[in-house]
């Protein structure tokens, strides 16, 4: 599962390359509803990240919605540049009038829809964005709203899956889930019922701080120049020197790293 800061960095790059420019070509490949593109001449009016969704809006009312999940990536090329990924994996090719081309490779979700008046299209992807909780990558997310949404989950839900629930708060993936729980000395396997409101708020406040600190970073840092626990199973905990543990296989979308001593389980 990607982290919210990754999508916000991608949106910032695309914004700088596309915002205010006129479309020469927009090709959307394998849109499940058969939409192929927008008319040349449309202008890019907005590029925005909402949680882990990336939206590109045009002045004709169309919006291009992509979700990277584990495989997708946006890349920007100047005229004549050679693509760094195979052409057959391109899901979107967007060329603007200064010769810049933005290509979205291998994204599982690509959808072009209209958001204007009577032509407005309501789709599952649009509903997913509307249902997102406050985005922790923004400057001032509403943590009261986050905690209210968290309180609606089953109290037996473990903390790790709750942190990944984008309807509670958008932006946390496996990396920040593991790093936040370690930083706050809370087990990712603790049921929500065992966590008081102060602990819950502290967890999301820390997640917000970590995500914001990494929005412009090339290398993700949460602890002393790197990561504290993520990807470090078998190494020594930086705090207590216990060997770090991991739950989930190499291809598991919900992998978790933690310290059995600093973060005792329920």
Protein backbone atom coordinates (compact mmCIF):
# COMPACT_ATOMS: atom_id res chain seq x y z
CA UNK A 1 0.00 0.00 0.00
CA UNK A 2 1.54 3.36 -1.01
CA UNK A 3 2.00 6.21 1.45
CA UNK A 4 0.14 9.49 1.12
CA UNK A 5 3.34 11.52 0.88
CA UNK A 6 4.29 9.61 -2.29
CA UNK A 7 1.06 10.64 -4.00
CA UNK A 8 1.37 14.25 -2.86
CA UNK A 9 4.91 14.42 -4.28
CA UNK A 10 3.65 13.01 -7.58
CA UNK A 11 0.85 15.59 -7.65
CA UNK A 12 3.34 18.40 -7.00
CA UNK A 13 5.52 17.24 -9.91
CA UNK A 14 2.54 16.98 -12.26
CA UNK A 15 1.20 20.35 -11.12
CA UNK A 16 4.47 22.02 -12.06
CA UNK A 17 4.51 20.30 -15.45
CA UNK A 18 0.85 20.58 -16.48
CA UNK A 19 -1.06 23.26 -14.58
CA UNK A 20 -2.57 25.89 -16.87
CA UNK A 21 -1.36 24.22 -20.06
CA UNK A 22 -3.40 23.19 -23.09
CA UNK A 23 -3.93 19.53 -23.94
CA UNK A 24 -2.50 18.32 -27.25
CA UNK A 25 -3.33 14.67 -26.59
CA UNK A 26 -4.91 12.74 -23.76
CA UNK A 27 -5.08 8.99 -24.28
CA UNK A 28 -6.68 6.88 -21.56
CA UNK A 29 -6.08 3.19 -22.13
CA UNK A 30 -8.36 0.47 -20.80
CA UNK A 31 -10.78 2.74 -18.98
CA UNK A 32 -13.42 0.22 -17.83
CA UNK A 33 -16.21 2.48 -19.15
CA UNK A 34 -14.65 2.88 -22.59
CA UNK A 35 -13.70 6.58 -22.28
CA UNK A 36 -10.68 7.29 -24.48
CA UNK A 37 -9.73 10.90 -23.78
CA UNK A 38 -10.76 14.56 -23.90
CA UNK A 39 -10.78 16.92 -26.84
CA UNK A 40 -7.48 18.64 -27.72
CA UNK A 41 -7.48 22.23 -26.53
CA UNK A 42 -8.80 21.58 -23.02
CA UNK A 43 -6.76 23.27 -20.30
CA UNK A 44 -5.45 21.59 -17.16
CA UNK A 45 -6.97 23.54 -14.29
CA UNK A 46 -5.94 21.52 -11.24
CA UNK A 47 -3.74 18.64 -10.13
CA UNK A 48 -4.53 17.49 -6.61
CA UNK A 49 -3.88 14.55 -4.32
CA UNK A 50 -6.75 13.41 -2.12
CA UNK A 51 -5.43 10.76 0.20
CA UNK A 52 -3.87 8.20 -2.13
CA UNK A 53 -5.96 9.27 -5.14
CA UNK A 54 -4.57 11.66 -7.76
CA UNK A 55 -6.97 13.87 -9.73
CA UNK A 56 -6.25 15.98 -12.83
CA UNK A 57 -9.08 18.37 -13.73
CA UNK A 58 -9.71 20.11 -17.06
CA UNK A 59 -11.71 23.21 -17.96
CA UNK A 60 -14.23 21.15 -19.97
CA UNK A 61 -15.48 19.49 -16.76
CA UNK A 62 -13.57 16.24 -17.16
CA UNK A 63 -11.42 14.80 -14.40
CA UNK A 64 -8.78 12.10 -14.74
CA UNK A 65 -8.70 9.92 -11.62
CA UNK A 66 -5.81 7.53 -10.93
CA UNK A 67 -4.87 5.34 -7.97
CA UNK A 68 -1.37 3.88 -7.93
CA UNK A 69 -1.77 1.08 -5.36
CA UNK A 70 1.43 -1.03 -5.43
CA UNK A 71 2.30 -0.95 -9.14
CA UNK A 72 1.48 2.46 -10.59
CA UNK A 73 3.68 5.51 -11.17
CA UNK A 74 3.44 8.88 -12.92
CA UNK A 75 6.49 10.12 -14.84
CA UNK A 76 7.07 13.40 -16.69
CA UNK A 77 9.10 13.69 -19.90
CA UNK A 78 10.30 16.58 -22.02
CA UNK A 79 9.88 16.41 -25.80
CA UNK A 80 12.10 13.67 -27.22
CA UNK A 81 12.89 11.99 -23.90
CA UNK A 82 12.93 8.20 -23.89
CA UNK A 83 10.42 6.58 -21.54
CA UNK A 84 11.94 4.75 -18.59
CA UNK A 85 9.21 2.10 -18.49
CA UNK A 86 7.83 -0.19 -21.22
CA UNK A 87 5.29 1.58 -23.45
CA UNK A 88 2.80 -1.29 -23.20
CA UNK A 89 2.40 -0.59 -19.45
CA UNK A 90 1.26 3.02 -20.04
CA UNK A 91 -2.32 3.59 -18.87
CA UNK A 92 -2.43 7.35 -19.55
CA UNK A 93 -0.50 9.51 -22.01
CA UNK A 94 -1.07 13.24 -21.53
CA UNK A 95 0.77 15.68 -23.80
CA UNK A 96 0.49 19.45 -23.37
CA UNK A 97 1.33 22.36 -25.65
CA UNK A 98 4.92 22.96 -24.51
CA UNK A 99 5.94 19.41 -25.49
CA UNK A 100 5.78 17.97 -21.98
CA UNK A 101 4.29 14.47 -21.71
CA UNK A 102 3.04 12.93 -18.47
CA UNK A 103 2.67 9.16 -18.51
CA UNK A 104 0.93 7.02 -15.92
CA UNK A 105 2.31 3.49 -15.92
CA UNK A 106 0.65 0.34 -14.55
CA UNK A 107 -1.93 2.04 -12.33
CA UNK A 108 -4.70 -0.41 -11.36
CA UNK A 109 -7.33 2.36 -11.32
CA UNK A 110 -7.62 4.83 -14.20
CA UNK A 111 -10.90 6.60 -14.87
CA UNK A 112 -11.94 9.62 -16.90
CA UNK A 113 -15.27 11.10 -15.89
CA UNK A 114 -17.19 14.37 -16.07
CA UNK A 115 -18.03 16.43 -12.97
CA UNK A 116 -20.11 19.17 -14.58
CA UNK A 117 -23.82 19.76 -14.03
CA UNK A 118 -26.20 17.44 -15.84
CA UNK A 119 -23.24 15.56 -17.34
CA UNK A 120 -21.88 14.71 -13.91
CA UNK A 121 -20.94 11.03 -13.67
CA UNK A 122 -21.19 9.25 -10.33
CA UNK A 123 -18.85 6.24 -10.25
CA UNK A 124 -17.42 3.87 -7.67
CA UNK A 125 -14.06 5.65 -7.85
CA UNK A 126 -15.68 9.04 -7.28
CA UNK A 127 -17.52 7.58 -4.29
CA UNK A 128 -14.25 6.27 -2.87
CA UNK A 129 -12.78 9.78 -2.90
CA UNK A 130 -15.92 11.28 -1.35
CA UNK A 131 -15.76 8.74 1.49
CA UNK A 132 -12.14 9.51 2.44
CA UNK A 133 -11.35 10.72 5.94
CA UNK A 134 -9.30 13.87 6.55
CA UNK A 135 -6.04 13.88 4.58
CA UNK A 136 -3.10 13.74 7.00
CA UNK A 137 -0.79 15.24 4.38
CA UNK A 138 -2.63 18.56 4.52
CA UNK A 139 -1.50 21.37 6.79
CA UNK A 140 -4.34 21.17 9.32
CA UNK A 141 -6.34 17.94 9.16
CA UNK A 142 -9.39 17.76 11.41
CA UNK A 143 -8.22 15.29 14.06
CA UNK A 144 -11.54 15.56 15.88
CA UNK A 145 -13.21 14.22 12.75
CA UNK A 146 -10.55 11.49 12.51
CA UNK A 147 -11.23 10.35 16.07
CA UNK A 148 -15.00 10.46 15.50
CA UNK A 149 -14.62 8.20 12.46
CA UNK A 150 -12.26 5.89 14.36
CA UNK A 151 -14.83 5.54 17.12
CA UNK A 152 -17.31 4.14 14.60
CA UNK A 153 -15.14 1.08 13.92
CA UNK A 154 -15.65 -2.21 15.74
CA UNK A 155 -13.81 -1.82 19.09
CA UNK A 156 -12.18 -5.22 18.48
CA UNK A 157 -10.45 -3.88 15.34
CA UNK A 158 -6.67 -3.99 15.70
CA UNK A 159 -4.80 -0.69 15.54
CA UNK A 160 -2.76 -1.57 12.43
CA UNK A 161 -5.74 -2.13 10.11
CA UNK A 162 -7.50 0.87 11.67
CA UNK A 163 -4.57 3.14 10.77
CA UNK A 164 -4.71 1.87 7.19
CA UNK A 165 -8.45 2.57 6.93
CA UNK A 166 -8.63 5.52 4.52
CA UNK A 167 -12.22 6.27 5.54
CA UNK A 168 -10.89 7.18 8.98
CA UNK A 169 -7.88 9.22 7.86
CA UNK A 170 -6.25 9.30 4.43
CA UNK A 171 -2.53 8.92 3.85
CA UNK A 172 -1.17 6.17 6.10
CA UNK A 173 0.34 3.07 4.47
CA UNK A 174 2.39 0.19 5.83
CA UNK A 175 5.51 2.31 6.39
CA UNK A 176 3.88 4.99 8.51
CA UNK A 177 1.65 2.46 10.25
CA UNK A 178 4.76 0.66 11.51
CA UNK A 179 6.78 3.80 12.22
CA UNK A 180 3.98 5.61 14.09
CA UNK A 181 3.17 2.62 16.31
CA UNK A 182 6.86 2.23 17.17
CA UNK A 183 7.32 5.95 17.87
CA UNK A 184 4.35 5.93 20.24
CA UNK A 185 5.26 2.56 21.85
CA UNK A 186 1.88 1.03 20.96
CA UNK A 187 1.37 -2.48 19.60
CA UNK A 188 -0.08 -2.51 16.08
CA UNK A 189 -2.12 -5.52 17.25
CA UNK A 190 -3.80 -3.71 20.15
CA UNK A 191 -7.62 -3.66 19.84
CA UNK A 192 -9.05 -0.16 19.60
CA UNK A 193 -11.00 -0.80 22.80
CA UNK A 194 -7.71 -0.81 24.74
CA UNK A 195 -6.65 2.66 23.52
CA UNK A 196 -7.86 5.81 25.23
CA UNK A 197 -8.67 9.01 23.35
CA UNK A 198 -5.36 10.65 24.25
CA UNK A 199 -3.40 7.73 22.77
CA UNK A 200 -5.53 7.71 19.64
CA UNK A 201 -5.02 11.43 19.08
CA UNK A 202 -1.29 11.10 19.71
CA UNK A 203 -0.99 8.36 17.08
CA UNK A 204 -2.68 10.42 14.38
CA UNK A 205 -0.84 13.59 15.36
CA UNK A 206 2.45 11.73 14.96
CA UNK A 207 1.33 10.30 11.60
CA UNK A 208 0.44 13.80 10.44
CA UNK A 209 3.83 15.17 11.52
CA UNK A 210 5.78 12.36 9.81
CA UNK A 211 3.83 12.65 6.56
CA UNK A 212 4.21 16.43 6.43
CA UNK A 213 7.94 16.25 7.13
CA UNK A 214 8.41 13.95 4.15
CA UNK A 215 6.35 15.74 1.51
CA UNK A 216 9.42 17.28 -0.11
CA UNK A 217 11.95 14.61 0.80
CA UNK A 218 13.64 12.30 -1.68
CA UNK A 219 14.41 9.83 1.08
CA UNK A 220 11.75 9.09 3.68
CA UNK A 221 12.94 9.86 7.22
CA UNK A 222 11.09 9.19 10.46
CA UNK A 223 14.00 8.52 12.84
CA UNK A 224 17.64 9.63 12.86
CA UNK A 225 18.17 9.88 9.12
CA UNK A 226 16.04 6.93 8.07
CA UNK A 227 13.34 4.57 9.30
CA UNK A 228 13.22 3.05 12.78
CA UNK A 229 11.60 -0.33 12.11
CA UNK A 230 10.07 -0.68 8.65
CA UNK A 231 11.95 -3.23 6.54
CA UNK A 232 14.29 -4.09 9.42
CA UNK A 233 13.04 -7.43 10.74
CA UNK A 234 15.80 -9.22 12.64
CA UNK A 235 17.79 -6.05 13.30
CA UNK A 236 18.06 -4.49 16.73
CA UNK A 237 15.48 -2.02 17.92
CA UNK A 238 17.07 1.47 18.04
CA UNK A 239 15.51 2.02 21.45
CA UNK A 240 15.83 -1.22 23.46
CA UNK A 241 18.06 -3.48 21.27
CA UNK A 242 15.46 -6.25 21.00
CA UNK A 243 15.31 -7.92 17.57
CA UNK A 244 12.55 -6.41 15.47
CA UNK A 245 9.71 -8.60 14.23
CA UNK A 246 7.63 -8.74 11.08
CA UNK A 247 4.16 -9.97 10.24
CA UNK A 248 3.28 -10.70 6.60
CA UNK A 249 5.11 -12.23 3.65
CA UNK A 250 7.16 -10.49 0.97
CA UNK A 251 4.12 -9.91 -1.25
CA UNK A 252 1.69 -9.18 1.57
CA UNK A 253 -0.10 -5.84 1.11
CA UNK A 254 -0.47 -5.44 4.90
CA UNK A 255 3.05 -6.12 6.20
CA UNK A 256 3.86 -4.82 9.71
CA UNK A 257 7.16 -4.30 11.58
CA UNK A 258 7.40 -3.77 15.34
CA UNK A 259 9.46 -4.27 18.49
CA UNK A 260 8.10 -7.04 20.79
CA UNK A 261 9.63 -5.33 23.86
CA UNK A 262 8.81 -1.66 23.23
CA UNK A 263 5.39 -2.53 21.85
CA UNK A 264 4.07 -5.49 23.85
CA UNK A 265 1.05 -7.13 22.34
CA UNK A 266 -2.37 -7.46 23.96
